[in-house]
């Protein structure tokens, strides 16, 4: 059975896309901890991030770095945090979160509720900062 991320990749479910390559896609988390909370997902469905080949994992990190730099330019913050949990969706992914403090990375924090227009505005701001 396809994961929700595979359905997003195939265009069966809409998303607020930031960028994509042949191997990866970046889109906004629809239950964000912070404005700009972005997910980096490989297009090949793999449950556990450390089952991804070394070369693809390295490419995924470099892709994440590009997206993180664009988030940092679009969303005022001290840093971009990185988290890999791997429990909530059985499809490997990386969370990129704008941070003001370590507390911003607590996944038990309340999630933001944004409008479609807010999501689209954030996605556009981040995308516009890509090279």
Protein backbone atom coordinates (compact mmCIF):
# COMPACT_ATOMS: atom_id res chain seq x y z
CA UNK A 1 0.00 0.00 0.00
CA UNK A 2 1.34 3.44 -0.94
CA UNK A 3 2.21 5.90 1.80
CA UNK A 4 0.58 9.31 1.90
CA UNK A 5 3.90 10.71 0.65
CA UNK A 6 3.86 8.40 -2.39
CA UNK A 7 0.35 9.64 -3.14
CA UNK A 8 1.62 13.24 -2.91
CA UNK A 9 4.57 12.42 -5.19
CA UNK A 10 2.21 10.85 -7.75
CA UNK A 11 -0.06 13.91 -7.62
CA UNK A 12 -2.97 11.95 -6.13
CA UNK A 13 -3.00 14.24 -3.08
CA UNK A 14 -2.18 17.96 -3.33
CA UNK A 15 0.68 19.57 -1.44
CA UNK A 16 2.33 22.94 -0.99
CA UNK A 17 5.42 22.11 -3.02
CA UNK A 18 8.66 23.98 -2.47
CA UNK A 19 10.85 22.14 -4.99
CA UNK A 20 11.53 18.77 -6.54
CA UNK A 21 14.21 16.90 -8.41
CA UNK A 22 14.19 13.54 -10.13
CA UNK A 23 14.79 11.85 -6.74
CA UNK A 24 13.33 14.14 -4.05
CA UNK A 25 10.47 16.46 -3.26
CA UNK A 26 10.17 19.22 -0.64
CA UNK A 27 6.77 20.40 0.56
CA UNK A 28 5.25 22.09 3.58
CA UNK A 29 4.11 19.96 6.49
CA UNK A 30 0.32 20.39 6.75
CA UNK A 31 0.55 20.07 10.54
CA UNK A 32 3.49 22.41 11.09
CA UNK A 33 5.24 23.09 14.36
CA UNK A 34 6.51 26.40 12.96
CA UNK A 35 5.83 28.54 9.90
CA UNK A 36 7.99 27.10 7.13
CA UNK A 37 8.09 23.54 8.55
CA UNK A 38 9.10 21.58 5.45
CA UNK A 39 9.43 17.89 4.65
CA UNK A 40 12.11 16.43 2.39
CA UNK A 41 10.97 13.11 0.92
CA UNK A 42 12.68 10.68 -1.44
CA UNK A 43 10.49 9.72 -4.37
CA UNK A 44 11.41 6.05 -3.90
CA UNK A 45 9.29 4.72 -1.06
CA UNK A 46 11.63 3.46 1.65
CA UNK A 47 10.36 3.12 5.21
CA UNK A 48 13.60 3.69 7.13
CA UNK A 49 15.98 6.51 6.26
CA UNK A 50 19.08 4.40 6.92
CA UNK A 51 17.91 1.84 4.35
CA UNK A 52 18.43 4.48 1.63
CA UNK A 53 21.63 3.94 -0.36
CA UNK A 54 24.63 5.97 0.75
CA UNK A 55 24.72 7.96 -2.47
CA UNK A 56 20.98 8.78 -2.37
CA UNK A 57 21.16 9.69 1.31
CA UNK A 58 24.06 12.05 0.59
CA UNK A 59 22.06 13.63 -2.26
CA UNK A 60 19.05 13.95 0.06
CA UNK A 61 21.14 15.84 2.62
CA UNK A 62 22.50 18.20 -0.06
CA UNK A 63 18.95 18.78 -1.37
CA UNK A 64 17.85 19.45 2.24
CA UNK A 65 20.66 21.99 2.63
CA UNK A 66 19.43 23.90 -0.43
CA UNK A 67 15.88 23.96 0.90
CA UNK A 68 17.06 24.89 4.42
CA UNK A 69 18.95 27.90 3.03
CA UNK A 70 15.81 29.03 1.18
CA UNK A 71 13.69 28.63 4.33
CA UNK A 72 16.20 30.66 6.35
CA UNK A 73 15.96 33.51 3.83
CA UNK A 74 12.14 33.39 3.78
CA UNK A 75 11.30 32.85 7.46
CA UNK A 76 12.97 34.92 10.19
CA UNK A 77 14.73 32.49 12.55
CA UNK A 78 18.06 31.77 14.22
CA UNK A 79 18.62 28.42 12.53
CA UNK A 80 16.97 25.64 10.60
CA UNK A 81 16.61 22.51 12.70
CA UNK A 82 16.72 19.03 11.25
CA UNK A 83 14.79 16.05 12.60
CA UNK A 84 14.32 12.49 11.44
CA UNK A 85 11.76 10.53 13.39
CA UNK A 86 10.49 7.92 10.99
CA UNK A 87 7.55 6.81 13.06
CA UNK A 88 4.61 8.89 11.86
CA UNK A 89 4.63 7.93 8.15
CA UNK A 90 6.21 4.71 6.80
CA UNK A 91 8.18 6.63 4.17
CA UNK A 92 11.59 8.10 5.02
CA UNK A 93 11.64 11.88 5.35
CA UNK A 94 13.49 14.78 6.93
CA UNK A 95 11.81 17.62 8.82
CA UNK A 96 13.30 21.12 8.38
CA UNK A 97 12.09 23.60 10.99
CA UNK A 98 12.85 27.29 11.51
CA UNK A 99 14.11 27.60 15.11
CA UNK A 100 14.38 30.25 17.73
CA UNK A 101 15.17 27.74 20.48
CA UNK A 102 15.57 24.00 21.05
CA UNK A 103 11.99 23.92 22.33
CA UNK A 104 10.78 24.56 18.77
CA UNK A 105 11.84 20.99 17.86
CA UNK A 106 9.50 19.34 20.36
CA UNK A 107 7.04 17.33 18.35
CA UNK A 108 4.68 17.38 21.33
CA UNK A 109 4.24 21.15 20.84
CA UNK A 110 0.86 22.31 19.51
CA UNK A 111 0.61 22.35 15.74
CA UNK A 112 -0.20 25.53 13.84
CA UNK A 113 -3.48 25.87 11.99
CA UNK A 114 -2.99 27.81 8.76
CA UNK A 115 -5.24 28.76 5.88
CA UNK A 116 -4.64 27.58 2.32
CA UNK A 117 -3.57 31.13 1.48
CA UNK A 118 -1.00 31.15 4.31
CA UNK A 119 0.45 27.81 3.20
CA UNK A 120 0.67 28.98 -0.41
CA UNK A 121 2.27 32.27 0.62
CA UNK A 122 4.90 30.47 2.71
CA UNK A 123 5.63 27.96 -0.08
CA UNK A 124 6.01 30.81 -2.59
CA UNK A 125 8.35 32.76 -0.27
CA UNK A 126 10.58 29.74 0.27
CA UNK A 127 10.56 28.74 -3.42
CA UNK A 128 11.48 32.25 -4.50
CA UNK A 129 14.73 31.96 -2.54
CA UNK A 130 15.97 28.91 -4.42
CA UNK A 131 18.85 29.38 -6.84
